[in-house]
Amino acid sequence: MDLHQSTDTTEIDPLELTSYKENHKTSYFAYEYERIDKEIKDLLELMEVDVSMKEMGESELATLKEAKKNMIDQIEAIIAKDADAPFESPREVILEVRAGTGGDEASLFAFELSEMYKNFAVMKGWSAQKIEGSLSDVGGYKEASFEIKGDGVYDALKYETGVHRIQRIPDTEKMGRVHTSTASVAILPIRKKTTIVINPADIEMEFSRSGGAGGQNVNKVETAVRLIHKPSGIDVRSTSERSQLKNREKAMSILTAKLEMMKQEDEAKKFASERSLQIGTADRSEKIRTYNVLQDRITDHRIKQSWHNLPKIMLGYIEPIVDALAAYEKGDTAIGTDSDE
């Protein structure tokens, strides 16, 4: 769809502008377009009443028109990209890992889970990039989020959402007691099409400097973006991109995915009896798996199947688990003998 109505000016139809405001991917550019358009009109009025402003105003006018055209180009690019294969399975997910009960051990487990999924992504030929992370005093993750992209990524990881539990003797345990720690995982699909509409007035936006490596631009410019969705209280941060604009767009995509998951969880609760026949995919509070180090065993409680060689699995070799969950969902109900409930 060409938004340019003539070769001399760049305008968007008012009705189309409204729809672009409602689309979370284009809303920022639509509102920027509207703001710049108002600045242009105000400047033209000023130049008409004050002749002395004409020469200086012409230069500023050219800059504003270029910025306005850039907003339209950005919208066009997003609309064109979203028009491709709207019904295909998402090729991009946000993996969130959060330490649960167990203190430092839980944070270390959260870190190990993150590494497991990142290694699995590399084996599958996907890309994996950390978006944001909060480290504990022992070097584990209090919470972290990663962007994973590739063919089949959502289909492979969608059953990982839930509470993961590890049972082991920590290195700092002098009495040889087994500790149980947990970490929660959430797989948030980034969909090309979404039914979620976010009112910009419901979002509080903050900017800050990104920490860590990345060059002078990352550390000296306020590129990091934090979005707070006031109605739900959802808090999202993105620091991985080198520009504020890209971090803002990524944060908005994550926020939308979180709101979609919240909606799915509410719907799942309404149809709990039907959902019990399937593998849960939307309840982050569901205990789904136990990693028993002493017995060298991983057990998925939903399908009551176990796998051994835990060290290898934690290196990213989770393909057998992924395949078993997919087969079970398709109707192959063959299960293992271990349950470790």
Protein backbone atom coordinates (compact mmCIF):
# COMPACT_ATOMS: atom_id res chain seq x y z
CA MET A 1 0.00 0.00 0.00
CA ASP A 2 1.49 3.34 -1.07
CA LEU A 3 0.86 6.02 1.53
CA HIS A 4 2.26 8.81 -0.63
CA GLN A 5 -0.60 10.74 -2.19
CA SER A 6 1.55 12.93 -4.46
CA THR A 7 5.18 13.47 -5.46
CA ASP A 8 5.29 16.89 -3.77
CA THR A 9 3.90 16.03 -0.34
CA THR A 10 3.80 13.05 1.96
CA GLU A 11 0.43 12.51 3.57
CA ILE A 12 -1.43 9.65 5.22
CA ASP A 13 -5.17 9.32 4.99
CA PRO A 14 -6.72 10.12 8.44
CA LEU A 15 -8.52 6.77 8.60
CA GLU A 16 -5.34 4.87 7.78
CA LEU A 17 -3.44 6.94 10.32
CA THR A 18 -5.89 5.79 13.00
CA SER A 19 -5.29 2.15 12.10
CA TYR A 20 -1.52 2.63 12.20
CA LYS A 21 -1.83 4.12 15.69
CA GLU A 22 -3.65 0.97 16.81
CA ASN A 23 -0.99 -1.36 15.41
CA HIS A 24 1.71 -1.80 18.07
CA LYS A 25 4.41 -2.10 15.40
CA THR A 26 3.50 1.13 13.61
CA SER A 27 2.00 3.17 16.46
CA TYR A 28 5.24 4.96 17.34
CA PHE A 29 5.87 6.02 13.73
CA ALA A 30 2.22 7.07 13.29
CA TYR A 31 2.31 9.31 16.35
CA GLU A 32 5.67 10.74 15.29
CA TYR A 33 4.22 11.42 11.83
CA GLU A 34 1.30 13.28 13.44
CA ARG A 35 3.61 15.32 15.69
CA ILE A 36 5.93 16.29 12.81
CA ASP A 37 2.95 17.15 10.61
CA LYS A 38 1.70 19.57 13.27
CA GLU A 39 5.16 21.14 13.55
CA ILE A 40 5.19 21.70 9.78
CA LYS A 41 1.77 23.39 9.84
CA ASP A 42 2.75 25.58 12.79
CA LEU A 43 5.98 26.59 11.06
CA LEU A 44 4.19 27.45 7.81
CA GLU A 45 1.75 29.68 9.71
CA LEU A 46 4.64 31.41 11.47
CA MET A 47 6.46 32.01 8.18
CA GLU A 48 3.33 33.61 6.73
CA VAL A 49 2.94 36.16 9.53
CA ASP A 50 6.67 36.80 10.10
CA VAL A 51 8.63 37.42 6.89
CA SER A 52 11.94 37.47 8.80
CA MET A 53 11.43 33.80 9.66
CA LYS A 54 11.13 32.71 6.05
CA GLU A 55 14.80 32.06 5.27
CA MET A 56 15.54 30.24 8.51
CA GLY A 57 12.18 28.49 8.35
CA GLU A 58 12.84 27.04 4.90
CA SER A 59 15.80 25.04 6.18
CA GLU A 60 13.86 23.72 9.17
CA LEU A 61 10.89 22.98 6.94
CA ALA A 62 13.03 20.78 4.68
CA THR A 63 14.32 18.86 7.72
CA LEU A 64 10.80 18.30 9.05
CA LYS A 65 9.50 17.12 5.68
CA GLU A 66 12.35 14.65 5.41
CA ALA A 67 11.58 13.35 8.91
CA LYS A 68 7.91 13.04 8.00
CA LYS A 69 8.76 11.09 4.87
CA ASN A 70 11.00 8.81 6.94
CA MET A 71 8.07 7.99 9.26
CA ILE A 72 5.97 6.99 6.25
CA ASP A 73 8.79 4.86 4.84
CA GLN A 74 9.07 3.05 8.18
CA ILE A 75 5.33 2.34 8.25
CA GLU A 76 5.37 1.10 4.66
CA ALA A 77 8.24 -1.27 5.42
CA ILE A 78 6.45 -2.75 8.43
CA ILE A 79 3.14 -3.17 6.58
CA ALA A 80 4.87 -4.82 3.61
CA LYS A 81 6.78 -7.21 5.88
CA ASP A 82 3.65 -8.19 7.82
CA ALA A 83 1.80 -8.94 4.60
CA ASP A 84 4.05 -11.96 4.03
CA ALA A 85 2.73 -15.34 5.29
CA PRO A 86 0.44 -14.09 8.09
CA PHE A 87 -0.53 -17.62 9.16
CA GLU A 88 2.90 -19.21 9.47
CA SER A 89 4.24 -20.36 12.82
CA PRO A 90 6.25 -17.61 14.56
CA ARG A 91 9.93 -17.61 13.62
CA GLU A 92 10.85 -15.48 16.59
CA VAL A 93 10.34 -15.96 20.32
CA ILE A 94 11.36 -14.22 23.50
CA LEU A 95 12.75 -16.67 26.05
CA GLU A 96 12.38 -15.43 29.60
CA VAL A 97 14.09 -17.19 32.49
CA ARG A 98 13.50 -16.17 36.09
CA ALA A 99 15.01 -17.59 39.30
CA GLY A 100 12.41 -19.00 41.69
CA THR A 101 12.77 -20.55 45.12
CA GLY A 102 16.25 -21.51 46.25
CA GLY A 103 18.22 -18.26 46.49
CA ASP A 104 21.64 -18.34 44.83
CA GLU A 105 21.12 -21.92 43.66
CA ALA A 106 17.96 -20.85 41.83
CA SER A 107 19.82 -18.06 40.05
CA LEU A 108 22.58 -20.47 38.99
CA PHE A 109 19.95 -22.87 37.69
CA ALA A 110 18.31 -20.05 35.74
CA PHE A 111 21.69 -19.29 34.16
CA GLU A 112 22.24 -22.97 33.28
CA LEU A 113 18.81 -23.20 31.67
CA SER A 114 19.57 -20.10 29.61
CA GLU A 115 22.84 -21.62 28.40
CA MET A 116 21.05 -24.89 27.58
CA TYR A 117 18.52 -23.14 25.37
CA LYS A 118 21.16 -20.92 23.74
CA ASN A 119 23.29 -23.97 22.89
CA PHE A 120 20.24 -25.75 21.51
CA ALA A 121 19.53 -22.69 19.34
CA VAL A 122 23.08 -22.80 17.94
CA MET A 123 22.69 -26.51 17.12
CA LYS A 124 19.47 -25.73 15.25
CA GLY A 125 21.08 -22.92 13.27
CA TRP A 126 19.01 -20.22 14.99
CA SER A 127 20.23 -16.89 16.29
CA ALA A 128 20.11 -16.17 20.02
CA GLN A 129 20.71 -12.75 21.54
CA LYS A 130 20.37 -11.54 25.12
CA ILE A 131 17.96 -8.62 25.43
CA GLU A 132 18.24 -7.96 29.14
CA GLY A 133 19.64 -9.71 32.19
CA SER A 134 19.97 -9.17 35.93
CA LEU A 135 22.85 -11.02 37.57
CA SER A 136 22.93 -12.35 41.12
CA ASP A 137 25.96 -12.02 43.44
CA VAL A 138 27.13 -15.53 42.46
CA GLY A 139 26.91 -14.92 38.71
CA GLY A 140 23.54 -16.50 38.09
CA TYR A 141 20.46 -14.86 36.60
CA LYS A 142 17.82 -13.31 38.79
CA GLU A 143 15.99 -12.88 35.49
CA ALA A 144 16.97 -12.66 31.86
CA SER A 145 15.38 -12.49 28.44
CA PHE A 146 16.68 -13.65 25.07
CA GLU A 147 15.53 -13.21 21.49
CA ILE A 148 15.72 -16.44 19.48
CA LYS A 149 15.02 -16.44 15.74
CA GLY A 150 14.84 -19.25 13.20
CA ASP A 151 12.61 -21.66 11.29
CA GLY A 152 10.56 -23.82 13.64
CA VAL A 153 11.72 -22.05 16.81
CA TYR A 154 8.28 -21.62 18.35
CA ASP A 155 7.11 -25.14 17.46
CA ALA A 156 10.21 -26.56 19.15
CA LEU A 157 10.21 -24.44 22.31
CA LYS A 158 6.54 -23.71 22.97
CA TYR A 159 6.22 -26.50 25.55
CA GLU A 160 9.11 -25.20 27.68
CA THR A 161 6.90 -22.65 29.45
CA GLY A 162 6.51 -23.49 33.12
CA VAL A 163 8.43 -24.14 36.34
CA HIS A 164 11.62 -26.20 36.09
CA ARG A 165 12.95 -27.82 39.28
CA ILE A 166 16.47 -29.01 40.06
CA GLN A 167 17.52 -31.33 42.89
CA ARG A 168 21.25 -31.44 43.72
CA ILE A 169 23.88 -30.90 46.40
CA PRO A 170 25.23 -27.34 46.04
CA ASP A 171 29.00 -26.82 46.04
CA THR A 172 28.64 -24.76 49.21
CA GLU A 173 26.69 -27.48 51.06
CA LYS A 174 28.98 -28.93 53.77
CA MET A 175 26.49 -31.47 55.15
CA GLY A 176 25.80 -33.17 51.83
CA ARG A 177 22.11 -32.28 51.85
CA VAL A 178 20.10 -32.23 48.64
CA HIS A 179 18.62 -28.83 47.83
CA THR A 180 15.63 -28.19 45.61
CA SER A 181 15.57 -24.98 43.55
CA THR A 182 13.31 -23.73 40.81
CA ALA A 183 13.35 -21.41 37.83
CA SER A 184 10.47 -20.41 35.60
CA VAL A 185 10.66 -20.30 31.83
CA ALA A 186 8.32 -18.43 29.51
CA ILE A 187 8.32 -18.72 25.71
CA LEU A 188 6.70 -15.64 24.18
CA PRO A 189 6.00 -15.89 20.43
CA ILE A 190 6.47 -12.73 18.38
CA ARG A 191 3.63 -12.97 15.86
CA LYS A 192 3.29 -11.13 12.57
CA LYS A 193 -0.42 -10.63 13.27
CA THR A 194 -1.87 -9.90 16.69
CA THR A 195 -5.31 -9.09 18.07
CA ILE A 196 -3.83 -7.17 20.99
CA VAL A 197 -4.40 -3.41 20.77
CA ILE A 198 -2.32 -1.24 23.12
CA ASN A 199 -3.43 2.29 23.90
CA PRO A 200 -0.30 4.52 23.90
CA ALA A 201 -1.82 6.43 26.82
CA ASP A 202 -1.50 3.23 28.90
CA ILE A 203 2.28 3.10 28.44
CA GLU A 204 4.87 4.83 30.58
CA MET A 205 8.20 5.07 28.77
CA GLU A 206 11.67 5.59 30.25
CA PHE A 207 15.08 5.90 28.61
CA SER A 208 18.52 5.22 30.06
CA ARG A 209 22.04 4.36 29.07
CA SER A 210 22.72 0.75 28.15
CA GLY A 211 25.40 -0.95 30.19
CA GLY A 212 28.05 -3.41 29.14
CA ALA A 213 30.00 -3.77 25.92
CA GLY A 214 28.87 -2.20 22.72
CA GLY A 215 31.01 0.82 22.08
CA GLN A 216 30.69 4.48 22.93
CA ASN A 217 27.23 4.83 21.42
CA VAL A 218 25.76 2.21 23.74
CA ASN A 219 27.32 3.66 26.88
CA LYS A 220 26.95 7.41 26.28
CA VAL A 221 23.56 7.65 24.59
CA GLU A 222 20.23 6.84 26.23
CA THR A 223 19.42 3.88 24.00
CA ALA A 224 17.93 1.55 26.62
CA VAL A 225 14.14 1.55 26.73
CA ARG A 226 11.80 0.58 29.55
CA LEU A 227 8.06 0.29 29.00
CA ILE A 228 5.51 0.01 31.80
CA HIS A 229 2.00 -1.06 30.83
CA LYS A 230 -0.03 0.68 33.54
CA PRO A 231 -3.25 -1.41 33.36
CA SER A 232 -1.41 -4.75 33.77
CA GLY A 233 1.73 -3.62 35.57
CA ILE A 234 3.91 -5.45 33.03
CA ASP A 235 7.43 -4.02 32.93
CA VAL A 236 9.61 -4.56 29.82
CA ARG A 237 13.19 -3.51 29.10
CA SER A 238 15.29 -3.72 25.95
CA THR A 239 18.98 -2.80 25.89
CA SER A 240 20.39 -5.02 23.14
CA GLU A 241 19.99 -2.66 20.18
CA ARG A 242 22.28 0.28 19.42
CA SER A 243 19.45 2.74 18.81
CA GLN A 244 16.63 3.92 21.03
CA LEU A 245 14.16 3.46 18.19
CA LYS A 246 14.99 -0.22 17.71
CA ASN A 247 14.94 -0.89 21.44
CA ARG A 248 11.56 0.82 21.64
CA GLU A 249 10.18 -1.34 18.83
CA LYS A 250 11.59 -4.53 20.39
CA ALA A 251 10.22 -3.64 23.83
CA MET A 252 6.78 -3.03 22.30
CA SER A 253 6.87 -6.44 20.61
CA ILE A 254 7.77 -8.10 23.91
CA LEU A 255 5.00 -6.23 25.73
CA THR A 256 2.47 -7.37 23.14
CA ALA A 257 3.67 -10.98 23.45
CA LYS A 258 3.32 -10.80 27.25
CA LEU A 259 -0.21 -9.43 26.99
CA GLU A 260 -1.06 -12.24 24.56
CA MET A 261 0.29 -14.83 27.01
CA MET A 262 -1.76 -13.26 29.82
CA LYS A 263 -4.84 -13.51 27.64
CA GLN A 264 -4.07 -17.17 26.83
CA GLU A 265 -3.63 -17.98 30.52
CA ASP A 266 -7.03 -16.45 31.33
CA GLU A 267 -8.67 -18.42 28.54
CA ALA A 268 -6.93 -21.64 29.65
CA LYS A 269 -8.38 -21.25 33.14
CA LYS A 270 -11.87 -20.91 31.69
CA PHE A 271 -11.50 -24.18 29.79
CA ALA A 272 -9.45 -26.11 32.33
CA SER A 273 -11.29 -29.41 31.76
CA GLU A 274 -10.51 -29.35 28.04
CA ARG A 275 -6.95 -28.19 28.60
CA SER A 276 -6.20 -31.08 30.96
CA LEU A 277 -6.21 -33.39 27.94
CA GLN A 278 -3.33 -31.52 26.38
CA ILE A 279 0.17 -30.40 27.28
CA GLY A 280 -0.06 -27.02 28.97
CA THR A 281 1.59 -24.20 27.07
CA ALA A 282 0.31 -21.05 28.73
CA ASP A 283 0.64 -21.47 32.50
CA ARG A 284 3.95 -20.20 33.84
CA SER A 285 3.14 -21.50 37.34
CA GLU A 286 2.81 -25.14 36.22
CA LYS A 287 5.62 -27.44 37.41
CA ILE A 288 6.65 -29.21 34.24
CA ARG A 289 10.07 -30.79 34.74
CA THR A 290 12.54 -32.01 37.36
CA TYR A 291 16.31 -32.18 36.87
CA ASN A 292 17.61 -34.74 39.40
CA VAL A 293 21.39 -34.50 39.43
CA LEU A 294 22.08 -37.37 41.87
CA GLN A 295 20.01 -39.79 39.78
CA ASP A 296 21.30 -38.32 36.48
CA ARG A 297 17.72 -37.97 35.29
CA ILE A 298 15.36 -35.42 33.79
CA THR A 299 11.64 -36.10 34.09
CA ASP A 300 8.86 -34.27 32.30
CA HIS A 301 5.83 -34.58 34.57
CA ARG A 302 3.26 -33.81 31.87
CA ILE A 303 4.06 -36.90 29.82
CA LYS A 304 5.70 -38.90 32.65
CA GLN A 305 8.81 -39.61 30.60
CA SER A 306 12.44 -39.51 31.72
CA TRP A 307 15.85 -39.11 30.09
CA HIS A 308 19.35 -39.75 31.44
CA ASN A 309 22.79 -38.23 30.82
CA LEU A 310 21.90 -34.92 32.45
CA PRO A 311 25.27 -33.19 31.79
CA LYS A 312 24.87 -33.71 28.04
CA ILE A 313 21.29 -32.48 28.07
CA MET A 314 22.30 -29.33 29.96
CA LEU A 315 24.80 -28.62 27.16
CA GLY A 316 21.85 -28.15 24.83
CA TYR A 317 21.06 -31.67 23.65
CA ILE A 318 17.32 -31.40 24.35
CA GLU A 319 16.13 -32.64 20.95
CA PRO A 320 14.79 -35.96 22.36
CA ILE A 321 12.70 -34.06 24.92
CA VAL A 322 11.40 -31.63 22.31
CA ASP A 323 10.51 -34.49 19.96
CA ALA A 324 8.76 -36.47 22.73
CA LEU A 325 6.57 -33.52 23.70
CA ALA A 326 5.64 -32.87 20.06
CA ALA A 327 4.81 -36.56 19.52
CA TYR A 328 2.70 -36.69 22.67
CA GLU A 329 0.70 -33.65 21.59
CA LYS A 330 0.05 -35.29 18.22
CA GLY A 331 -1.39 -38.36 19.92
CA ASP A 332 1.57 -40.66 20.43
CA THR A 333 1.04 -41.39 24.13
CA ALA A 334 3.95 -43.79 24.64
CA ILE A 335 5.52 -42.80 27.96
CA GLY A 336 8.48 -43.75 30.10
CA THR A 337 8.40 -45.56 33.42
CA ASP A 338 9.99 -42.93 35.66
CA SER A 339 7.83 -40.17 37.12
CA ASP A 340 9.78 -38.56 40.01
CA GLU A 341 6.72 -36.67 41.22
